[in-house]
Amino acid sequence: MVPAGQGLIVVISSPGGLQYMFNVPYGVGKAACDRLAADCAHELRHHGVSYVSLWPGLVQTELLKDYMAEKGHSEDSLFKQFGPNFSSAESTEMSGKCVVALATDPNILSLSGKVLPSCDLARRYGLQDVDGKSWAQQPDLTAISFVPCSLLSLSLFSQGQST
């Protein structure tokens, strides 16, 4: 990509990089993906190569479909967390549609180093999922109104206190 002077690298991540989700390795791995996108974008931008972090929403993978069918309406904590939203989850193909849209965007360098939620990309590029689902009415995760929620990760820093 560097010799060609153009290219796109997409890493798959999730909000699990900002807050606890599932387990420690999952969260640390997702945080690393987001940081990798930001840092690599810094080094690759002047070569015309874009590097982004894609955050799919809840995805209807085969594993998750089987899990949801097996658990039914049980008291399982994972089912409680995802069950109510599973019917509106995106297909496995949606991420592919997002990557195609990014790869054909002539202004992709303007997004390099960014975290890109799939619902925001669907809205930006007018994408629909394979079942016709649209994200036009979903909240924009990159809007200023969403920022206070994302600042929760700043709670990692201790507050200086005078003694």
N, C-alpha and C. Protein backbone atom coordinates (compact mmCIF):
# COMPACT_ATOMS: atom_id res chain seq x y z
N MET A 1 0.82 -1.19 0.00
CA MET A 1 0.00 0.00 0.00
C MET A 1 0.86 1.26 0.00
N VAL A 2 1.91 1.25 0.80
CA VAL A 2 2.77 2.43 0.85
C VAL A 2 3.40 2.70 -0.52
N PRO A 3 3.99 1.67 -1.19
CA PRO A 3 4.54 1.95 -2.52
C PRO A 3 3.49 2.43 -3.52
N ALA A 4 2.26 1.93 -3.37
CA ALA A 4 1.17 2.34 -4.28
C ALA A 4 0.66 3.74 -3.96
N GLY A 5 0.95 4.23 -2.75
CA GLY A 5 0.50 5.56 -2.36
C GLY A 5 -0.97 5.64 -2.01
N GLN A 6 -1.59 4.49 -1.76
CA GLN A 6 -3.00 4.47 -1.37
C GLN A 6 -3.34 3.13 -0.75
N GLY A 7 -4.43 3.12 -0.01
CA GLY A 7 -4.90 1.88 0.60
C GLY A 7 -5.77 2.15 1.80
N LEU A 8 -6.39 1.08 2.25
CA LEU A 8 -7.28 1.16 3.41
C LEU A 8 -7.08 -0.07 4.27
N ILE A 9 -6.86 0.14 5.55
CA ILE A 9 -6.76 -0.93 6.53
C ILE A 9 -7.90 -0.72 7.51
N VAL A 10 -8.68 -1.78 7.74
CA VAL A 10 -9.82 -1.71 8.65
C VAL A 10 -9.62 -2.76 9.73
N VAL A 11 -9.65 -2.33 10.98
CA VAL A 11 -9.60 -3.25 12.11
C VAL A 11 -11.00 -3.25 12.75
N ILE A 12 -11.44 -4.42 13.20
CA ILE A 12 -12.77 -4.54 13.80
C ILE A 12 -12.65 -4.43 15.32
N SER A 13 -13.41 -3.51 15.90
CA SER A 13 -13.35 -3.28 17.34
C SER A 13 -14.78 -3.16 17.87
N SER A 14 -14.92 -2.54 19.04
CA SER A 14 -16.25 -2.36 19.63
C SER A 14 -16.15 -1.41 20.81
N PRO A 15 -17.30 -0.99 21.37
CA PRO A 15 -17.27 -0.16 22.57
C PRO A 15 -16.63 -0.87 23.76
N GLY A 16 -16.38 -2.16 23.64
CA GLY A 16 -15.68 -2.90 24.70
C GLY A 16 -14.29 -2.36 24.97
N GLY A 17 -13.78 -1.52 24.08
CA GLY A 17 -12.49 -0.87 24.30
C GLY A 17 -12.59 0.33 25.22
N LEU A 18 -13.82 0.79 25.48
CA LEU A 18 -14.04 1.95 26.35
C LEU A 18 -14.57 1.57 27.72
N GLN A 19 -15.28 0.46 27.79
CA GLN A 19 -15.89 0.06 29.06
C GLN A 19 -15.89 -1.46 29.15
N TYR A 20 -16.01 -1.97 30.34
CA TYR A 20 -15.97 -3.42 30.55
C TYR A 20 -17.06 -4.12 29.75
N MET A 21 -16.66 -5.17 29.04
CA MET A 21 -17.60 -5.97 28.27
C MET A 21 -17.04 -7.39 28.15
N PHE A 22 -17.72 -8.35 28.65
CA PHE A 22 -17.39 -9.78 28.58
C PHE A 22 -16.26 -10.20 29.52
N ASN A 23 -15.03 -9.71 29.26
CA ASN A 23 -13.89 -10.11 30.08
C ASN A 23 -12.69 -9.20 29.79
N VAL A 24 -11.65 -9.35 30.57
CA VAL A 24 -10.47 -8.48 30.44
C VAL A 24 -9.80 -8.59 29.06
N PRO A 25 -9.49 -9.80 28.57
CA PRO A 25 -8.83 -9.87 27.27
C PRO A 25 -9.64 -9.21 26.15
N TYR A 26 -10.96 -9.35 26.20
CA TYR A 26 -11.80 -8.73 25.17
C TYR A 26 -11.63 -7.21 25.19
N GLY A 27 -11.77 -6.62 26.35
CA GLY A 27 -11.68 -5.16 26.46
C GLY A 27 -10.31 -4.62 26.10
N VAL A 28 -9.28 -5.26 26.59
CA VAL A 28 -7.92 -4.81 26.30
C VAL A 28 -7.63 -4.95 24.80
N GLY A 29 -8.10 -6.04 24.21
CA GLY A 29 -7.90 -6.24 22.77
C GLY A 29 -8.60 -5.18 21.94
N LYS A 30 -9.82 -4.84 22.32
CA LYS A 30 -10.57 -3.83 21.57
C LYS A 30 -9.97 -2.43 21.76
N ALA A 31 -9.52 -2.13 22.96
CA ALA A 31 -8.85 -0.84 23.19
C ALA A 31 -7.59 -0.75 22.34
N ALA A 32 -6.87 -1.86 22.25
CA ALA A 32 -5.65 -1.90 21.44
C ALA A 32 -5.97 -1.68 19.96
N CYS A 33 -7.07 -2.25 19.49
CA CYS A 33 -7.47 -2.05 18.09
C CYS A 33 -7.71 -0.58 17.78
N ASP A 34 -8.42 0.09 18.68
CA ASP A 34 -8.72 1.51 18.47
C ASP A 34 -7.45 2.35 18.49
N ARG A 35 -6.57 2.05 19.42
CA ARG A 35 -5.31 2.80 19.52
C ARG A 35 -4.42 2.51 18.31
N LEU A 36 -4.41 1.25 17.86
CA LEU A 36 -3.64 0.87 16.69
C LEU A 36 -4.09 1.67 15.47
N ALA A 37 -5.40 1.82 15.30
CA ALA A 37 -5.93 2.60 14.18
C ALA A 37 -5.47 4.05 14.26
N ALA A 38 -5.55 4.64 15.44
CA ALA A 38 -5.15 6.04 15.60
C ALA A 38 -3.66 6.24 15.34
N ASP A 39 -2.84 5.37 15.92
CA ASP A 39 -1.39 5.54 15.78
C ASP A 39 -0.89 5.19 14.38
N CYS A 40 -1.41 4.11 13.80
CA CYS A 40 -1.00 3.74 12.45
C CYS A 40 -1.45 4.80 11.44
N ALA A 41 -2.63 5.36 11.64
CA ALA A 41 -3.10 6.42 10.75
C ALA A 41 -2.14 7.59 10.76
N HIS A 42 -1.61 7.91 11.93
CA HIS A 42 -0.65 9.01 12.05
C HIS A 42 0.58 8.75 11.18
N GLU A 43 1.08 7.53 11.21
CA GLU A 43 2.29 7.20 10.46
C GLU A 43 2.02 6.94 8.97
N LEU A 44 0.84 6.48 8.62
CA LEU A 44 0.56 6.10 7.23
C LEU A 44 -0.10 7.20 6.41
N ARG A 45 -0.67 8.20 7.06
CA ARG A 45 -1.43 9.24 6.36
C ARG A 45 -0.61 9.88 5.24
N HIS A 46 0.65 10.22 5.52
CA HIS A 46 1.45 10.90 4.49
C HIS A 46 1.83 9.98 3.34
N HIS A 47 1.53 8.69 3.45
CA HIS A 47 1.72 7.74 2.36
C HIS A 47 0.42 7.50 1.59
N GLY A 48 -0.67 8.16 2.01
CA GLY A 48 -1.95 7.99 1.34
C GLY A 48 -2.72 6.76 1.79
N VAL A 49 -2.29 6.15 2.90
CA VAL A 49 -2.94 4.95 3.41
C VAL A 49 -3.81 5.31 4.60
N SER A 50 -5.06 4.88 4.57
CA SER A 50 -6.01 5.13 5.67
C SER A 50 -6.09 3.90 6.56
N TYR A 51 -6.27 4.15 7.85
CA TYR A 51 -6.40 3.07 8.84
C TYR A 51 -7.54 3.47 9.76
N VAL A 52 -8.59 2.66 9.81
CA VAL A 52 -9.76 2.98 10.63
C VAL A 52 -10.14 1.81 11.52
N SER A 53 -10.90 2.11 12.56
CA SER A 53 -11.45 1.10 13.46
C SER A 53 -12.96 1.05 13.26
N LEU A 54 -13.47 -0.09 12.81
CA LEU A 54 -14.90 -0.26 12.56
C LEU A 54 -15.55 -0.90 13.78
N TRP A 55 -16.60 -0.25 14.28
CA TRP A 55 -17.39 -0.78 15.40
C TRP A 55 -18.73 -1.28 14.88
N PRO A 56 -18.85 -2.57 14.56
CA PRO A 56 -20.18 -3.07 14.22
C PRO A 56 -21.07 -2.99 15.46
N GLY A 57 -22.36 -2.96 15.24
CA GLY A 57 -23.29 -3.04 16.37
C GLY A 57 -23.40 -4.50 16.81
N LEU A 58 -24.46 -4.82 17.50
CA LEU A 58 -24.73 -6.21 17.83
C LEU A 58 -24.95 -6.95 16.51
N VAL A 59 -24.20 -8.04 16.30
CA VAL A 59 -24.23 -8.76 15.03
C VAL A 59 -24.86 -10.14 15.21
N GLN A 60 -25.73 -10.49 14.29
CA GLN A 60 -26.40 -11.79 14.32
C GLN A 60 -25.49 -12.87 13.72
N THR A 61 -24.43 -13.22 14.44
CA THR A 61 -23.55 -14.29 13.99
C THR A 61 -24.24 -15.63 14.21
N GLU A 62 -23.73 -16.66 13.56
CA GLU A 62 -24.31 -18.00 13.73
C GLU A 62 -24.20 -18.43 15.19
N LEU A 63 -23.06 -18.16 15.81
CA LEU A 63 -22.85 -18.54 17.20
C LEU A 63 -23.87 -17.86 18.12
N LEU A 64 -24.07 -16.56 17.91
CA LEU A 64 -25.02 -15.82 18.75
C LEU A 64 -26.46 -16.25 18.47
N LYS A 65 -26.78 -16.53 17.22
CA LYS A 65 -28.13 -17.01 16.89
C LYS A 65 -28.42 -18.32 17.61
N ASP A 66 -27.46 -19.25 17.55
CA ASP A 66 -27.63 -20.54 18.23
C ASP A 66 -27.75 -20.36 19.73
N TYR A 67 -26.94 -19.47 20.30
CA TYR A 67 -26.96 -19.22 21.74
C TYR A 67 -28.32 -18.67 22.16
N MET A 68 -28.82 -17.71 21.42
CA MET A 68 -30.11 -17.10 21.75
C MET A 68 -31.24 -18.12 21.64
N ALA A 69 -31.19 -18.96 20.62
CA ALA A 69 -32.23 -19.97 20.44
C ALA A 69 -32.19 -21.00 21.57
N GLU A 70 -30.99 -21.35 22.00
CA GLU A 70 -30.82 -22.34 23.07
C GLU A 70 -31.28 -21.81 24.42
N LYS A 71 -30.98 -20.56 24.70
CA LYS A 71 -31.28 -19.98 26.01
C LYS A 71 -32.73 -19.54 26.15
N GLY A 72 -33.38 -19.28 25.01
CA GLY A 72 -34.77 -18.83 25.09
C GLY A 72 -34.87 -17.56 25.92
N HIS A 73 -35.77 -17.53 26.85
CA HIS A 73 -35.93 -16.37 27.73
C HIS A 73 -35.43 -16.71 29.12
N SER A 74 -34.24 -17.26 29.17
CA SER A 74 -33.68 -17.70 30.45
C SER A 74 -33.16 -16.54 31.28
N GLU A 75 -32.66 -16.87 32.43
CA GLU A 75 -32.09 -15.88 33.34
C GLU A 75 -30.60 -15.66 33.06
N ASP A 76 -30.09 -16.23 31.99
CA ASP A 76 -28.69 -16.10 31.62
C ASP A 76 -28.32 -14.62 31.44
N SER A 77 -27.18 -14.20 32.00
CA SER A 77 -26.81 -12.77 31.98
C SER A 77 -26.54 -12.27 30.57
N LEU A 78 -25.93 -13.09 29.72
CA LEU A 78 -25.67 -12.67 28.35
C LEU A 78 -26.98 -12.51 27.58
N PHE A 79 -27.91 -13.43 27.82
CA PHE A 79 -29.21 -13.33 27.16
C PHE A 79 -29.93 -12.06 27.63
N LYS A 80 -29.87 -11.77 28.92
CA LYS A 80 -30.51 -10.56 29.45
C LYS A 80 -29.92 -9.31 28.81
N GLN A 81 -28.59 -9.32 28.58
CA GLN A 81 -27.92 -8.15 28.01
C GLN A 81 -28.28 -7.94 26.54
N PHE A 82 -28.30 -9.02 25.75
CA PHE A 82 -28.47 -8.88 24.31
C PHE A 82 -29.83 -9.30 23.78
N GLY A 83 -30.55 -10.14 24.50
CA GLY A 83 -31.82 -10.67 24.02
C GLY A 83 -32.80 -9.64 23.51
N PRO A 84 -33.08 -8.57 24.28
CA PRO A 84 -34.08 -7.59 23.84
C PRO A 84 -33.71 -6.87 22.54
N ASN A 85 -32.41 -6.79 22.23
CA ASN A 85 -31.97 -6.07 21.03
C ASN A 85 -31.60 -6.99 19.88
N PHE A 86 -31.67 -8.30 20.11
CA PHE A 86 -31.17 -9.23 19.10
C PHE A 86 -31.94 -9.15 17.79
N SER A 87 -33.23 -8.94 17.84
CA SER A 87 -34.03 -8.90 16.61
C SER A 87 -33.66 -7.69 15.74
N SER A 88 -33.12 -6.64 16.34
CA SER A 88 -32.72 -5.47 15.55
C SER A 88 -31.22 -5.45 15.27
N ALA A 89 -30.53 -6.54 15.60
CA ALA A 89 -29.08 -6.61 15.36
C ALA A 89 -28.80 -6.64 13.86
N GLU A 90 -27.59 -6.22 13.51
CA GLU A 90 -27.22 -6.19 12.09
C GLU A 90 -26.73 -7.56 11.63
N SER A 91 -26.81 -7.78 10.32
CA SER A 91 -26.34 -9.03 9.74
C SER A 91 -24.81 -9.04 9.68
N THR A 92 -24.26 -10.21 9.44
CA THR A 92 -22.81 -10.30 9.28
C THR A 92 -22.36 -9.58 8.01
N GLU A 93 -23.25 -9.40 7.06
CA GLU A 93 -22.90 -8.73 5.81
C GLU A 93 -22.77 -7.21 5.94
N MET A 94 -23.35 -6.64 6.98
CA MET A 94 -23.35 -5.18 7.12
C MET A 94 -21.95 -4.61 7.23
N SER A 95 -21.07 -5.27 7.97
CA SER A 95 -19.69 -4.78 8.08
C SER A 95 -19.02 -4.75 6.71
N GLY A 96 -19.29 -5.77 5.90
CA GLY A 96 -18.74 -5.81 4.55
C GLY A 96 -19.22 -4.64 3.71
N LYS A 97 -20.49 -4.31 3.83
CA LYS A 97 -21.04 -3.16 3.10
C LYS A 97 -20.34 -1.87 3.53
N CYS A 98 -20.07 -1.77 4.83
CA CYS A 98 -19.38 -0.58 5.34
C CYS A 98 -17.97 -0.49 4.78
N VAL A 99 -17.26 -1.61 4.74
CA VAL A 99 -15.89 -1.61 4.23
C VAL A 99 -15.87 -1.24 2.75
N VAL A 100 -16.81 -1.76 1.97
CA VAL A 100 -16.88 -1.41 0.55
C VAL A 100 -17.12 0.09 0.39
N ALA A 101 -18.03 0.64 1.18
CA ALA A 101 -18.31 2.08 1.10
C ALA A 101 -17.07 2.90 1.45
N LEU A 102 -16.35 2.47 2.48
CA LEU A 102 -15.12 3.18 2.86
C LEU A 102 -14.08 3.08 1.76
N ALA A 103 -13.92 1.90 1.19
CA ALA A 103 -12.90 1.68 0.16
C ALA A 103 -13.16 2.48 -1.11
N THR A 104 -14.41 2.83 -1.35
CA THR A 104 -14.74 3.59 -2.56
C THR A 104 -14.94 5.08 -2.28
N ASP A 105 -14.71 5.51 -1.05
CA ASP A 105 -14.86 6.92 -0.68
C ASP A 105 -13.60 7.67 -1.10
N PRO A 106 -13.72 8.63 -2.01
CA PRO A 106 -12.53 9.37 -2.45
C PRO A 106 -11.91 10.23 -1.34
N ASN A 107 -12.66 10.48 -0.27
CA ASN A 107 -12.17 11.29 0.85
C ASN A 107 -11.85 10.44 2.07
N ILE A 108 -11.49 9.19 1.88
CA ILE A 108 -11.27 8.27 3.00
C ILE A 108 -10.18 8.76 3.95
N LEU A 109 -9.19 9.47 3.46
CA LEU A 109 -8.13 9.96 4.36
C LEU A 109 -8.67 10.86 5.45
N SER A 110 -9.80 11.51 5.21
CA SER A 110 -10.38 12.38 6.25
C SER A 110 -10.91 11.57 7.43
N LEU A 111 -11.13 10.28 7.24
CA LEU A 111 -11.63 9.41 8.31
C LEU A 111 -10.52 8.58 8.95
N SER A 112 -9.33 8.66 8.40
CA SER A 112 -8.23 7.84 8.89
C SER A 112 -7.93 8.11 10.36
N GLY A 113 -7.75 7.03 11.12
CA GLY A 113 -7.47 7.14 12.55
C GLY A 113 -8.71 7.20 13.42
N LYS A 114 -9.87 7.18 12.80
CA LYS A 114 -11.13 7.34 13.54
C LYS A 114 -11.77 6.00 13.88
N VAL A 115 -12.59 6.03 14.92
CA VAL A 115 -13.48 4.93 15.26
C VAL A 115 -14.78 5.20 14.51
N LEU A 116 -15.25 4.20 13.74
CA LEU A 116 -16.41 4.39 12.88
C LEU A 116 -17.49 3.35 13.19
N PRO A 117 -18.51 3.73 13.95
CA PRO A 117 -19.62 2.80 14.20
C PRO A 117 -20.35 2.48 12.89
N SER A 118 -20.70 1.23 12.71
CA SER A 118 -21.36 0.81 11.46
C SER A 118 -22.68 1.54 11.24
N CYS A 119 -23.42 1.84 12.31
CA CYS A 119 -24.70 2.55 12.13
C CYS A 119 -24.47 3.95 11.59
N ASP A 120 -23.38 4.60 12.00
CA ASP A 120 -23.07 5.93 11.48
C ASP A 120 -22.63 5.86 10.02
N LEU A 121 -21.86 4.81 9.68
CA LEU A 121 -21.45 4.65 8.28
C LEU A 121 -22.66 4.34 7.40
N ALA A 122 -23.59 3.53 7.90
CA ALA A 122 -24.80 3.22 7.14
C ALA A 122 -25.57 4.50 6.82
N ARG A 123 -25.67 5.37 7.80
CA ARG A 123 -26.36 6.64 7.60
C ARG A 123 -25.57 7.53 6.63
N ARG A 124 -24.27 7.61 6.82
CA ARG A 124 -23.40 8.47 6.00
C ARG A 124 -23.46 8.09 4.53
N TYR A 125 -23.43 6.77 4.25
CA TYR A 125 -23.37 6.29 2.87
C TYR A 125 -24.72 5.80 2.34
N GLY A 126 -25.78 5.90 3.13
CA GLY A 126 -27.10 5.47 2.69
C GLY A 126 -27.22 3.96 2.54
N LEU A 127 -26.56 3.21 3.41
CA LEU A 127 -26.56 1.75 3.34
C LEU A 127 -27.77 1.17 4.05
N GLN A 128 -28.22 0.03 3.55
CA GLN A 128 -29.26 -0.76 4.22
C GLN A 128 -28.71 -2.16 4.42
N ASP A 129 -29.15 -2.80 5.48
CA ASP A 129 -28.74 -4.17 5.74
C ASP A 129 -29.45 -5.10 4.75
N VAL A 130 -29.04 -6.36 4.70
CA VAL A 130 -29.61 -7.31 3.73
C VAL A 130 -31.11 -7.51 3.92
N ASP A 131 -31.61 -7.26 5.12
CA ASP A 131 -33.05 -7.40 5.37
C ASP A 131 -33.80 -6.08 5.15
N GLY A 132 -33.10 -5.07 4.62
CA GLY A 132 -33.72 -3.78 4.36
C GLY A 132 -33.67 -2.81 5.52
N LYS A 133 -33.10 -3.25 6.65
CA LYS A 133 -33.03 -2.39 7.84
C LYS A 133 -32.19 -1.15 7.53
N SER A 134 -32.66 -0.03 8.02
CA SER A 134 -31.98 1.25 7.83
C SER A 134 -31.65 1.85 9.19
N TRP A 135 -30.61 2.63 9.25
CA TRP A 135 -30.20 3.27 10.50
C TRP A 135 -30.52 4.76 10.50
N ALA A 136 -31.42 5.18 9.62
CA ALA A 136 -31.75 6.60 9.52
C ALA A 136 -32.30 7.17 10.82
N GLN A 137 -33.03 6.38 11.60
CA GLN A 137 -33.64 6.88 12.83
C GLN A 137 -32.81 6.61 14.08
N GLN A 138 -31.67 5.95 13.93
CA GLN A 138 -30.82 5.65 15.08
C GLN A 138 -30.03 6.90 15.48
N PRO A 139 -29.64 7.01 16.75
CA PRO A 139 -28.83 8.16 17.16
C PRO A 139 -27.47 8.12 16.50
N ASP A 140 -26.95 9.28 16.18
CA ASP A 140 -25.63 9.41 15.57
C ASP A 140 -24.59 9.30 16.68
N LEU A 141 -23.81 8.23 16.67
CA LEU A 141 -22.84 8.01 17.74
C LEU A 141 -21.65 8.96 17.68
N THR A 142 -21.52 9.70 16.59
CA THR A 142 -20.44 10.67 16.50
C THR A 142 -20.92 12.09 16.78
N ALA A 143 -22.21 12.24 17.08
CA ALA A 143 -22.77 13.56 17.36
C ALA A 143 -22.30 14.07 18.72
N ILE A 144 -22.31 15.35 18.88
CA ILE A 144 -21.86 15.98 20.13
C ILE A 144 -22.70 15.52 21.31
N SER A 145 -23.96 15.17 21.08
CA SER A 145 -24.82 14.72 22.18
C SER A 145 -24.38 13.37 22.74
N PHE A 146 -23.60 12.61 21.96
CA PHE A 146 -23.12 11.32 22.41
C PHE A 146 -21.82 11.45 23.20
N VAL A 147 -21.12 12.56 23.05
CA VAL A 147 -19.81 12.74 23.66
C VAL A 147 -19.80 12.52 25.17
N PRO A 148 -20.77 13.06 25.95
CA PRO A 148 -20.70 12.83 27.40
C PRO A 148 -20.62 11.35 27.77
N CYS A 149 -21.31 10.48 27.02
CA CYS A 149 -21.24 9.04 27.30
C CYS A 149 -19.84 8.51 27.05
N SER A 150 -19.19 8.98 25.99
CA SER A 150 -17.87 8.47 25.67
C SER A 150 -16.81 9.00 26.62
N LEU A 151 -17.11 10.07 27.33
CA LEU A 151 -16.15 10.62 28.28
C LEU A 151 -16.06 9.79 29.56
N LEU A 152 -16.95 8.81 29.69
CA LEU A 152 -16.91 7.95 30.87
C LEU A 152 -15.56 7.27 31.03
N SER A 153 -14.86 7.03 29.91
CA SER A 153 -13.56 6.39 29.99
C SER A 153 -12.54 7.27 30.70
N LEU A 154 -12.83 8.56 30.82
CA LEU A 154 -11.91 9.45 31.54
C LEU A 154 -11.90 9.17 33.03
N SER A 155 -12.84 8.37 33.51
CA SER A 155 -12.86 8.02 34.92
C SER A 155 -11.65 7.18 35.30
N LEU A 156 -10.87 6.77 34.31
CA LEU A 156 -9.64 6.03 34.58
C LEU A 156 -8.62 6.90 35.31
N PHE A 157 -8.69 8.21 35.10
CA PHE A 157 -7.71 9.11 35.68
C PHE A 157 -8.11 9.51 37.10
N SER A 158 -7.14 9.47 37.99
CA SER A 158 -7.44 9.89 39.36
C SER A 158 -7.56 11.41 39.39
N GLN A 159 -8.35 11.87 40.30
CA GLN A 159 -8.50 13.31 40.45
C GLN A 159 -7.46 13.78 41.45
N GLY A 160 -6.71 14.78 41.04
CA GLY A 160 -5.69 15.32 41.94
C GLY A 160 -6.34 15.95 43.16
N GLN A 161 -5.86 15.60 44.32
CA GLN A 161 -6.41 16.18 45.54
C GLN A 161 -5.27 16.77 46.35
N SER A 162 -5.51 17.96 46.83
CA SER A 162 -4.48 18.58 47.68
C SER A 162 -4.62 18.04 49.09
N THR A 163 -3.50 17.95 49.76
CA THR A 163 -3.53 17.44 51.14
C THR A 163 -3.26 18.54 52.12
